[in-house]
Amino acid sequence: MIRTELIPQTTAAINKGTVYYHFSLSHTGTNAPSPNFEHQVGFFESHFTEMKFGLLSGEQGATSDNSLRWMVNSQTQWNTTFTAGVWHNIAYGIDFDGGSVTFYHSTGSNPLTKTAGPVSVSASSNGADWHVGVLGLNQTSAITTENWLWSGVYIESGSLTTSVAGPAGAGASSSAAASSVAATSKAVAAPAVSSAPVSSVAAPAPTTLATLVSSVVATSAPAAASPSAAAPASGDLSASTIQELYNWVSSLLSQLEALEKRTGSSSADAAGDDSDCDEE
């Protein structure tokens, strides 16, 4: 027997009402899952719904089976060939109160579609027996290493999210998420980085500190507020604060100019004194 899995630790009502259990599966040609024995994939403790891969236990007349199956109460409801490099996006739509489960599926970056069901079932879970992983009933062959790729694992209620990018992953692709899972065991959509400038208005380069501050006041001061205007974002400088900064800098510049004049005058006087000495 080989086994690897994660189980939830949450107080959320993931076993009440209608809930959607999402995940995506794939594998590569390296250390591919063996088709020679049964693998139970993405299952609950009671196995009322699950995926299976490989030769089913007790199956007669065959030595291997490369089928990926969706099963309810140990009965195959849907199957396909589990081909290397193909992502299978899956959602179980479980109605715990009504006693049924519906199967949603797609491949690659395609949105989920209803593929099978609803099938009547005695849906039961204590909210902590959802197995995100694989249980291999390896009874007849030597234990081997298998590489299973998982992505897009989450649970939701309400409306079904059909995009494989997930509820908050606009622009992401299943292949990008897969790379993240393979590398870090956690799918996190990274925000896109734009090379565009923050503002499309090009400000002229200031020639003095005074023109710089004037430019700040002119471009940063908010427009007059109106009932429909959106409130400024938290952390923005207010017009009064900018005006105070401008006044302070202007005062500083005035003092510097006065000091420069006094320094220049003193230098001129000193030069005059030197001239008188030379004449003597």
C-alpha atoms as a PDB file:
ATOM      1  CA  MET A   1       0.000   0.000   0.000  1.00  0.00           C
ATOM      2  CA  ILE A   2       1.227   3.500  -0.855  1.00  0.00           C
ATOM      3  CA  ARG A   3      -0.385   6.653   0.484  1.00  0.00           C
ATOM      4  CA  THR A   4       0.045  10.427   0.480  1.00  0.00           C
ATOM      5  CA  GLU A   5      -2.628  12.958   1.444  1.00  0.00           C
ATOM      6  CA  LEU A   6      -3.764  16.106   3.199  1.00  0.00           C
ATOM      7  CA  ILE A   7      -7.004  16.448   5.162  1.00  0.00           C
ATOM      8  CA  PRO A   8      -8.797  19.663   6.188  1.00  0.00           C
ATOM      9  CA  GLN A   9      -8.698  21.213   9.629  1.00  0.00           C
ATOM     10  CA  THR A  10     -11.506  23.736   9.653  1.00  0.00           C
ATOM     11  CA  THR A  11     -14.714  24.652  11.436  1.00  0.00           C
ATOM     12  CA  ALA A  12     -16.332  25.817   8.179  1.00  0.00           C
ATOM     13  CA  ALA A  13     -19.514  24.009   7.137  1.00  0.00           C
ATOM     14  CA  ILE A  14     -17.937  22.042   4.316  1.00  0.00           C
ATOM     15  CA  ASN A  15     -20.297  19.103   4.975  1.00  0.00           C
ATOM     16  CA  LYS A  16     -23.601  21.010   4.905  1.00  0.00           C
ATOM     17  CA  GLY A  17     -25.927  22.058   2.103  1.00  0.00           C
ATOM     18  CA  THR A  18     -24.551  22.116  -1.447  1.00  0.00           C
ATOM     19  CA  VAL A  19     -20.768  22.360  -1.581  1.00  0.00           C
ATOM     20  CA  TYR A  20     -18.296  22.148  -4.455  1.00  0.00           C
ATOM     21  CA  TYR A  21     -14.992  20.341  -3.953  1.00  0.00           C
ATOM     22  CA  HIS A  22     -12.446  21.470  -6.577  1.00  0.00           C
ATOM     23  CA  PHE A  23      -9.117  19.970  -7.618  1.00  0.00           C
ATOM     24  CA  SER A  24      -7.037  19.318 -10.737  1.00  0.00           C
ATOM     25  CA  LEU A  25      -4.914  16.246 -11.504  1.00  0.00           C
ATOM     26  CA  SER A  26      -2.120  15.429 -13.896  1.00  0.00           C
ATOM     27  CA  HIS A  27       1.043  13.362 -14.185  1.00  0.00           C
ATOM     28  CA  THR A  28       4.164  13.302 -16.332  1.00  0.00           C
ATOM     29  CA  GLY A  29       5.944  10.465 -18.071  1.00  0.00           C
ATOM     30  CA  THR A  30       8.499  10.397 -15.253  1.00  0.00           C
ATOM     31  CA  ASN A  31       7.476   8.102 -12.397  1.00  0.00           C
ATOM     32  CA  ALA A  32       3.998   7.852 -13.869  1.00  0.00           C
ATOM     33  CA  PRO A  33       1.280   6.262 -11.704  1.00  0.00           C
ATOM     34  CA  SER A  34       1.155   2.521 -12.249  1.00  0.00           C
ATOM     35  CA  PRO A  35      -1.907   1.246 -14.135  1.00  0.00           C
ATOM     36  CA  ASN A  36      -1.370  -2.193 -12.591  1.00  0.00           C
ATOM     37  CA  PHE A  37      -3.255  -1.584  -9.349  1.00  0.00           C
ATOM     38  CA  GLU A  38      -6.079   0.512  -7.931  1.00  0.00           C
ATOM     39  CA  HIS A  39      -5.522   4.092  -6.770  1.00  0.00           C
ATOM     40  CA  GLN A  40      -8.218   5.846  -4.749  1.00  0.00           C
ATOM     41  CA  VAL A  41      -7.960   9.572  -5.416  1.00  0.00           C
ATOM     42  CA  GLY A  42      -9.749  12.555  -3.841  1.00  0.00           C
ATOM     43  CA  PHE A  43     -12.076  10.609  -1.568  1.00  0.00           C
ATOM     44  CA  PHE A  44     -14.066  10.697   1.662  1.00  0.00           C
ATOM     45  CA  GLU A  45     -13.794   8.123   4.421  1.00  0.00           C
ATOM     46  CA  SER A  46     -17.059   6.478   3.335  1.00  0.00           C
ATOM     47  CA  HIS A  47     -15.987   6.548  -0.349  1.00  0.00           C
ATOM     48  CA  PHE A  48     -19.447   7.711  -1.457  1.00  0.00           C
ATOM     49  CA  THR A  49     -17.711   9.647  -4.243  1.00  0.00           C
ATOM     50  CA  GLU A  50     -14.118   9.449  -5.461  1.00  0.00           C
ATOM     51  CA  MET A  51     -11.782   9.212  -8.418  1.00  0.00           C
ATOM     52  CA  LYS A  52      -9.955   5.974  -9.170  1.00  0.00           C
ATOM     53  CA  PHE A  53      -7.072   5.087 -11.448  1.00  0.00           C
ATOM     54  CA  GLY A  54      -5.535   1.770 -12.473  1.00  0.00           C
ATOM     55  CA  LEU A  55      -6.684  -1.813 -12.384  1.00  0.00           C
ATOM     56  CA  LEU A  56      -9.571  -2.018  -9.929  1.00  0.00           C
ATOM     57  CA  SER A  57      -9.239  -4.467  -7.081  1.00  0.00           C
ATOM     58  CA  GLY A  58     -10.947  -7.740  -7.979  1.00  0.00           C
ATOM     59  CA  GLU A  59     -11.113  -6.910 -11.698  1.00  0.00           C
ATOM     60  CA  GLN A  60     -10.752 -10.072 -13.772  1.00  0.00           C
ATOM     61  CA  GLY A  61      -9.229 -10.691 -17.182  1.00  0.00           C
ATOM     62  CA  ALA A  62      -6.791  -7.783 -17.250  1.00  0.00           C
ATOM     63  CA  THR A  63      -3.440  -6.891 -15.800  1.00  0.00           C
ATOM     64  CA  SER A  64      -3.564  -3.126 -16.152  1.00  0.00           C
ATOM     65  CA  ASP A  65      -6.036  -0.304 -16.744  1.00  0.00           C
ATOM     66  CA  ASN A  66      -5.031   3.237 -17.707  1.00  0.00           C
ATOM     67  CA  SER A  67      -8.464   4.704 -16.982  1.00  0.00           C
ATOM     68  CA  LEU A  68      -9.206   7.621 -14.681  1.00  0.00           C
ATOM     69  CA  ARG A  69     -12.714   7.105 -13.296  1.00  0.00           C
ATOM     70  CA  TRP A  70     -15.316   9.021 -11.363  1.00  0.00           C
ATOM     71  CA  MET A  71     -17.114   6.591  -9.069  1.00  0.00           C
ATOM     72  CA  VAL A  72     -20.160   6.821  -6.807  1.00  0.00           C
ATOM     73  CA  ASN A  73     -20.829   4.017  -4.338  1.00  0.00           C
ATOM     74  CA  SER A  74     -18.092   1.969  -6.064  1.00  0.00           C
ATOM     75  CA  GLN A  75     -19.839   2.248  -9.461  1.00  0.00           C
ATOM     76  CA  THR A  76     -18.133   3.914 -12.443  1.00  0.00           C
ATOM     77  CA  GLN A  77     -20.113   6.934 -13.654  1.00  0.00           C
ATOM     78  CA  TRP A  78     -17.507   8.398 -16.023  1.00  0.00           C
ATOM     79  CA  ASN A  79     -14.014   7.491 -17.267  1.00  0.00           C
ATOM     80  CA  THR A  80     -11.232   8.628 -19.572  1.00  0.00           C
ATOM     81  CA  THR A  81      -7.639   7.693 -20.349  1.00  0.00           C
ATOM     82  CA  PHE A  82      -5.204   9.264 -17.880  1.00  0.00           C
ATOM     83  CA  THR A  83      -2.704  10.596 -20.432  1.00  0.00           C
ATOM     84  CA  ALA A  84       0.594  12.143 -19.349  1.00  0.00           C
ATOM     85  CA  GLY A  85       0.723  15.923 -19.576  1.00  0.00           C
ATOM     86  CA  VAL A  86      -3.056  16.446 -19.592  1.00  0.00           C
ATOM     87  CA  TRP A  87      -4.637  18.368 -16.719  1.00  0.00           C
ATOM     88  CA  HIS A  88      -8.032  17.119 -15.547  1.00  0.00           C
ATOM     89  CA  ASN A  89     -10.011  19.784 -13.693  1.00  0.00           C
ATOM     90  CA  ILE A  90     -12.654  18.290 -11.424  1.00  0.00           C
ATOM     91  CA  ALA A  91     -15.393  19.457  -9.085  1.00  0.00           C
ATOM     92  CA  TYR A  92     -17.731  17.327  -6.994  1.00  0.00           C
ATOM     93  CA  GLY A  93     -21.050  19.115  -6.545  1.00  0.00           C
ATOM     94  CA  ILE A  94     -22.260  17.491  -3.330  1.00  0.00           C
ATOM     95  CA  ASP A  95     -25.746  18.109  -1.936  1.00  0.00           C
ATOM     96  CA  PHE A  96     -25.302  16.819   1.594  1.00  0.00           C
ATOM     97  CA  ASP A  97     -28.890  17.635   2.579  1.00  0.00           C
ATOM     98  CA  GLY A  98     -30.550  16.287  -0.585  1.00  0.00           C
ATOM     99  CA  GLY A  99     -28.281  13.249  -0.942  1.00  0.00           C
ATOM    100  CA  SER A 100     -26.759  13.589  -4.416  1.00  0.00           C
ATOM    101  CA  VAL A 101     -23.470  14.310  -6.155  1.00  0.00           C
ATOM    102  CA  THR A 102     -22.794  15.867  -9.583  1.00  0.00           C
ATOM    103  CA  PHE A 103     -19.543  15.623 -11.542  1.00  0.00           C
ATOM    104  CA  TYR A 104     -17.969  18.622 -13.320  1.00  0.00           C
ATOM    105  CA  HIS A 105     -14.908  18.203 -15.522  1.00  0.00           C
ATOM    106  CA  SER A 106     -12.675  19.880 -18.092  1.00  0.00           C
ATOM    107  CA  THR A 107      -9.124  19.583 -19.398  1.00  0.00           C
ATOM    108  CA  GLY A 108      -6.355  22.144 -19.719  1.00  0.00           C
ATOM    109  CA  SER A 109      -7.556  25.716 -19.269  1.00  0.00           C
ATOM    110  CA  ASN A 110     -11.128  25.010 -20.385  1.00  0.00           C
ATOM    111  CA  PRO A 111     -13.956  25.906 -17.976  1.00  0.00           C
ATOM    112  CA  LEU A 112     -15.705  23.195 -16.022  1.00  0.00           C
ATOM    113  CA  THR A 113     -18.870  21.714 -17.487  1.00  0.00           C
ATOM    114  CA  LYS A 114     -21.433  19.355 -16.009  1.00  0.00           C
ATOM    115  CA  THR A 115     -20.311  15.910 -17.172  1.00  0.00           C
ATOM    116  CA  ALA A 116     -22.323  13.388 -15.133  1.00  0.00           C
ATOM    117  CA  GLY A 117     -24.987  13.263 -12.449  1.00  0.00           C
ATOM    118  CA  PRO A 118     -26.618  14.129 -10.230  1.00  0.00           C
ATOM    119  CA  VAL A 119     -26.417  10.654  -8.755  1.00  0.00           C
ATOM    120  CA  SER A 120     -28.314   9.742  -5.587  1.00  0.00           C
ATOM    121  CA  VAL A 121     -25.985   8.922  -2.736  1.00  0.00           C
ATOM    122  CA  SER A 122     -25.809   8.800   1.012  1.00  0.00           C
ATOM    123  CA  ALA A 123     -23.468  11.780   1.293  1.00  0.00           C
ATOM    124  CA  SER A 124     -21.799  11.842   4.680  1.00  0.00           C
ATOM    125  CA  SER A 125     -18.765  13.631   6.083  1.00  0.00           C
ATOM    126  CA  ASN A 126     -17.687  14.997   9.440  1.00  0.00           C
ATOM    127  CA  GLY A 127     -15.899  17.888   7.718  1.00  0.00           C
ATOM    128  CA  ALA A 128     -12.483  16.371   8.428  1.00  0.00           C
ATOM    129  CA  ASP A 129     -12.411  13.227   6.278  1.00  0.00           C
ATOM    130  CA  TRP A 130     -11.846  14.788   2.846  1.00  0.00           C
ATOM    131  CA  HIS A 131      -8.628  13.171   1.560  1.00  0.00           C
ATOM    132  CA  VAL A 132      -6.691  15.357  -0.854  1.00  0.00           C
ATOM    133  CA  GLY A 133      -4.305  12.681  -2.011  1.00  0.00           C
ATOM    134  CA  VAL A 134      -3.841   9.151  -3.269  1.00  0.00           C
ATOM    135  CA  LEU A 135      -4.236   5.743  -1.650  1.00  0.00           C
ATOM    136  CA  GLY A 136      -2.616   3.002  -3.763  1.00  0.00           C
ATOM    137  CA  LEU A 137      -3.791  -0.545  -3.070  1.00  0.00           C
ATOM    138  CA  ASN A 138      -0.499  -1.987  -4.191  1.00  0.00           C
ATOM    139  CA  GLN A 139      -0.957  -5.658  -3.334  1.00  0.00           C
ATOM    140  CA  THR A 140       0.739  -7.559  -6.147  1.00  0.00           C
ATOM    141  CA  SER A 141       3.754  -5.504  -7.249  1.00  0.00           C
ATOM    142  CA  ALA A 142       6.738  -3.876  -5.607  1.00  0.00           C
ATOM    143  CA  ILE A 143       6.331  -0.421  -4.097  1.00  0.00           C
ATOM    144  CA  THR A 144       7.326   2.223  -6.635  1.00  0.00           C
ATOM    145  CA  THR A 145       7.680   5.987  -6.690  1.00  0.00           C
ATOM    146  CA  GLU A 146       4.789   7.778  -8.410  1.00  0.00           C
ATOM    147  CA  ASN A 147       4.575  11.457  -9.317  1.00  0.00           C
ATOM    148  CA  TRP A 148       1.074  12.904  -8.965  1.00  0.00           C
ATOM    149  CA  LEU A 149       0.504  16.582  -9.731  1.00  0.00           C
ATOM    150  CA  TRP A 150      -2.267  18.461  -7.912  1.00  0.00           C
ATOM    151  CA  SER A 151      -3.543  21.994  -8.407  1.00  0.00           C
ATOM    152  CA  GLY A 152      -6.534  24.250  -7.761  1.00  0.00           C
ATOM    153  CA  VAL A 153      -7.642  22.600  -4.520  1.00  0.00           C
ATOM    154  CA  TYR A 154     -10.426  24.507  -2.761  1.00  0.00           C
ATOM    155  CA  ILE A 155     -14.003  24.151  -1.499  1.00  0.00           C
ATOM    156  CA  GLU A 156     -16.825  26.597  -2.144  1.00  0.00           C
ATOM    157  CA  SER A 157     -20.553  27.012  -1.560  1.00  0.00           C
ATOM    158  CA  GLY A 158     -23.063  29.120  -3.463  1.00  0.00           C
ATOM    159  CA  SER A 159     -22.560  29.245  -7.225  1.00  0.00           C
ATOM    160  CA  LEU A 160     -20.064  26.947  -8.923  1.00  0.00           C
ATOM    161  CA  THR A 161     -16.876  28.620 -10.167  1.00  0.00           C
ATOM    162  CA  THR A 162     -16.310  27.126 -13.620  1.00  0.00           C
ATOM    163  CA  SER A 163     -13.068  28.965 -14.397  1.00  0.00           C
ATOM    164  CA  VAL A 164     -10.060  26.792 -13.635  1.00  0.00           C
ATOM    165  CA  ALA A 165      -8.234  29.950 -12.516  1.00  0.00           C
ATOM    166  CA  GLY A 166     -10.417  29.866  -9.373  1.00  0.00           C
ATOM    167  CA  PRO A 167     -12.555  32.562  -7.726  1.00  0.00           C
ATOM    168  CA  ALA A 168      -9.709  35.093  -7.458  1.00  0.00           C
ATOM    169  CA  GLY A 169      -7.292  33.946 -10.116  1.00  0.00           C
ATOM    170  CA  ALA A 170      -8.342  35.891 -13.215  1.00  0.00           C
ATOM    171  CA  GLY A 171      -5.694  35.562 -15.896  1.00  0.00           C
ATOM    172  CA  ALA A 172      -4.055  32.509 -14.359  1.00  0.00           C
ATOM    173  CA  SER A 173      -3.887  29.246 -16.237  1.00  0.00           C
ATOM    174  CA  SER A 174      -4.026  25.686 -15.031  1.00  0.00           C
ATOM    175  CA  SER A 175      -0.516  25.075 -16.321  1.00  0.00           C
ATOM    176  CA  ALA A 176       0.843  28.038 -14.349  1.00  0.00           C
ATOM    177  CA  ALA A 177      -0.898  26.836 -11.214  1.00  0.00           C
ATOM    178  CA  ALA A 178       0.416  23.365 -11.849  1.00  0.00           C
ATOM    179  CA  SER A 179       3.983  24.605 -11.931  1.00  0.00           C
ATOM    180  CA  SER A 180       3.389  26.334  -8.609  1.00  0.00           C
ATOM    181  CA  VAL A 181       2.002  23.180  -7.040  1.00  0.00           C
ATOM    182  CA  ALA A 182       4.788  20.992  -8.362  1.00  0.00           C
ATOM    183  CA  ALA A 183       7.402  23.348  -6.969  1.00  0.00           C
ATOM    184  CA  THR A 184       5.861  24.456  -3.679  1.00  0.00           C
ATOM    185  CA  SER A 185       2.787  22.276  -3.017  1.00  0.00           C
ATOM    186  CA  LYS A 186       0.718  25.437  -2.838  1.00  0.00           C
ATOM    187  CA  ALA A 187      -1.134  27.139  -5.682  1.00  0.00           C
ATOM    188  CA  VAL A 188      -0.918  30.881  -5.338  1.00  0.00           C
ATOM    189  CA  ALA A 189      -1.826  33.219  -8.177  1.00  0.00           C
ATOM    190  CA  ALA A 190       0.797  35.963  -8.488  1.00  0.00           C
ATOM    191  CA  PRO A 191      -0.407  39.436  -9.470  1.00  0.00           C
ATOM    192  CA  ALA A 192       0.581  40.567 -12.931  1.00  0.00           C
ATOM    193  CA  VAL A 193       3.357  43.134 -13.102  1.00  0.00           C
ATOM    194  CA  SER A 194       2.808  45.962 -15.534  1.00  0.00           C
ATOM    195  CA  SER A 195       5.629  47.940 -17.144  1.00  0.00           C
ATOM    196  CA  ALA A 196       3.282  50.827 -17.909  1.00  0.00           C
ATOM    197  CA  PRO A 197       3.891  54.105 -16.040  1.00  0.00           C
ATOM    198  CA  VAL A 198       1.718  54.858 -13.048  1.00  0.00           C
ATOM    199  CA  SER A 199       0.474  58.035 -14.674  1.00  0.00           C
ATOM    200  CA  SER A 200       0.038  58.747 -18.366  1.00  0.00           C
ATOM    201  CA  VAL A 201       0.654  62.472 -17.812  1.00  0.00           C
ATOM    202  CA  ALA A 202       4.305  63.409 -18.294  1.00  0.00           C
ATOM    203  CA  ALA A 203       5.387  66.174 -15.920  1.00  0.00           C
ATOM    204  CA  PRO A 204       8.195  68.529 -17.028  1.00  0.00           C
ATOM    205  CA  ALA A 205      11.451  68.113 -15.160  1.00  0.00           C
ATOM    206  CA  PRO A 206      11.689  70.757 -12.417  1.00  0.00           C
ATOM    207  CA  THR A 207      14.578  73.203 -12.627  1.00  0.00           C
ATOM    208  CA  THR A 208      14.444  74.299  -9.010  1.00  0.00           C
ATOM    209  CA  LEU A 209      13.056  72.999  -5.756  1.00  0.00           C
ATOM    210  CA  ALA A 210      10.387  75.665  -5.955  1.00  0.00           C
ATOM    211  CA  THR A 211       9.097  74.460  -9.326  1.00  0.00           C
ATOM    212  CA  LEU A 212       9.204  70.884  -8.050  1.00  0.00           C
ATOM    213  CA  VAL A 213       6.971  71.718  -5.104  1.00  0.00           C
ATOM    214  CA  SER A 214       4.699  73.794  -7.313  1.00  0.00           C
ATOM    215  CA  SER A 215       4.349  70.810  -9.620  1.00  0.00           C
ATOM    216  CA  VAL A 216       3.464  68.557  -6.681  1.00  0.00           C
ATOM    217  CA  VAL A 217       0.772  70.950  -5.496  1.00  0.00           C
ATOM    218  CA  ALA A 218      -0.660  71.387  -8.982  1.00  0.00           C
ATOM    219  CA  THR A 219      -0.814  67.685  -9.845  1.00  0.00           C
ATOM    220  CA  SER A 220      -1.512  66.109  -6.445  1.00  0.00           C
ATOM    221  CA  ALA A 221      -4.240  68.335  -5.039  1.00  0.00           C
ATOM    222  CA  PRO A 222      -7.609  66.546  -5.369  1.00  0.00           C
ATOM    223  CA  ALA A 223     -10.422  68.057  -7.375  1.00  0.00           C
ATOM    224  CA  ALA A 224     -13.284  69.733  -5.575  1.00  0.00           C
ATOM    225  CA  ALA A 225     -15.387  67.095  -3.857  1.00  0.00           C
ATOM    226  CA  SER A 226     -18.811  66.265  -5.191  1.00  0.00           C
ATOM    227  CA  PRO A 227     -21.524  63.963  -3.778  1.00  0.00           C
ATOM    228  CA  SER A 228     -20.646  61.293  -6.341  1.00  0.00           C
ATOM    229  CA  ALA A 229     -16.880  61.602  -6.078  1.00  0.00           C
ATOM    230  CA  ALA A 230     -15.035  58.625  -4.667  1.00  0.00           C
ATOM    231  CA  ALA A 231     -13.249  59.108  -1.382  1.00  0.00           C
ATOM    232  CA  PRO A 232      -9.442  59.344  -1.646  1.00  0.00           C
ATOM    233  CA  ALA A 233      -7.550  56.193  -0.853  1.00  0.00           C
ATOM    234  CA  SER A 234      -6.221  55.743   2.644  1.00  0.00           C
ATOM    235  CA  GLY A 235      -2.712  57.177   2.992  1.00  0.00           C
ATOM    236  CA  ASP A 236      -3.049  59.946   0.329  1.00  0.00           C
ATOM    237  CA  LEU A 237      -1.725  63.373   1.300  1.00  0.00           C
ATOM    238  CA  SER A 238      -4.468  65.945   1.806  1.00  0.00           C
ATOM    239  CA  ALA A 239      -4.450  69.276  -0.036  1.00  0.00           C
ATOM    240  CA  SER A 240      -3.852  71.133   3.227  1.00  0.00           C
ATOM    241  CA  THR A 241      -0.839  68.981   4.053  1.00  0.00           C
ATOM    242  CA  ILE A 242       0.669  69.572   0.621  1.00  0.00           C
ATOM    243  CA  GLN A 243       0.007  73.302   0.907  1.00  0.00           C
ATOM    244  CA  GLU A 244       1.751  73.389   4.298  1.00  0.00           C
ATOM    245  CA  LEU A 245       4.730  71.570   2.776  1.00  0.00           C
ATOM    246  CA  TYR A 246       4.807  74.058  -0.074  1.00  0.00           C
ATOM    247  CA  ASN A 247       4.666  77.026   2.297  1.00  0.00           C
ATOM    248  CA  TRP A 248       7.476  75.601   4.425  1.00  0.00           C
ATOM    249  CA  VAL A 249       9.718  74.935   1.417  1.00  0.00           C
ATOM    250  CA  SER A 250       8.955  78.386  -0.026  1.00  0.00           C
ATOM    251  CA  SER A 251       9.929  79.965   3.294  1.00  0.00           C
ATOM    252  CA  LEU A 252      13.128  77.921   3.327  1.00  0.00           C
ATOM    253  CA  LEU A 253      13.958  79.027  -0.212  1.00  0.00           C
ATOM    254  CA  SER A 254      13.379  82.659   0.704  1.00  0.00           C
ATOM    255  CA  GLN A 255      15.775  82.307   3.642  1.00  0.00           C
ATOM    256  CA  LEU A 256      18.353  80.655   1.398  1.00  0.00           C
ATOM    257  CA  GLU A 257      18.065  83.417  -1.167  1.00  0.00           C
ATOM    258  CA  ALA A 258      18.469  86.046   1.549  1.00  0.00           C
ATOM    259  CA  LEU A 259      21.500  84.208   2.900  1.00  0.00           C
ATOM    260  CA  GLU A 260      22.950  83.976  -0.595  1.00  0.00           C
ATOM    261  CA  LYS A 261      22.516  87.723  -1.076  1.00  0.00           C
ATOM    262  CA  ARG A 262      24.197  88.455   2.248  1.00  0.00           C
ATOM    263  CA  THR A 263      27.026  86.066   1.393  1.00  0.00           C
ATOM    264  CA  GLY A 264      27.452  87.634  -1.999  1.00  0.00           C
ATOM    265  CA  SER A 265      27.493  91.111  -0.487  1.00  0.00           C
ATOM    266  CA  SER A 266      30.095  90.083   2.094  1.00  0.00           C
ATOM    267  CA  SER A 267      32.249  88.590  -0.644  1.00  0.00           C
ATOM    268  CA  ALA A 268      32.030  91.818  -2.649  1.00  0.00           C
ATOM    269  CA  ASP A 269      33.050  93.868   0.383  1.00  0.00           C
ATOM    270  CA  ALA A 270      35.964  91.557   1.004  1.00  0.00           C
ATOM    271  CA  ALA A 271      37.063  91.865  -2.605  1.00  0.00           C
ATOM    272  CA  GLY A 272      36.904  95.643  -2.308  1.00  0.00           C
ATOM    273  CA  ASP A 273      39.093  95.569   0.749  1.00  0.00           C
ATOM    274  CA  ASP A 274      41.663  93.414  -1.078  1.00  0.00           C
ATOM    275  CA  SER A 275      41.726  95.915  -3.937  1.00  0.00           C
ATOM    276  CA  ASP A 276      42.434  98.771  -1.570  1.00  0.00           C
ATOM    277  CA  CYS A 277      45.322  96.828  -0.104  1.00  0.00           C
ATOM    278  CA  ASP A 278      46.772  96.132  -3.556  1.00  0.00           C
ATOM    279  CA  GLU A 279      46.594  99.826  -4.450  1.00  0.00           C
ATOM    280  CA  GLU A 280      48.511 100.688  -1.323  1.00  0.00           C
END
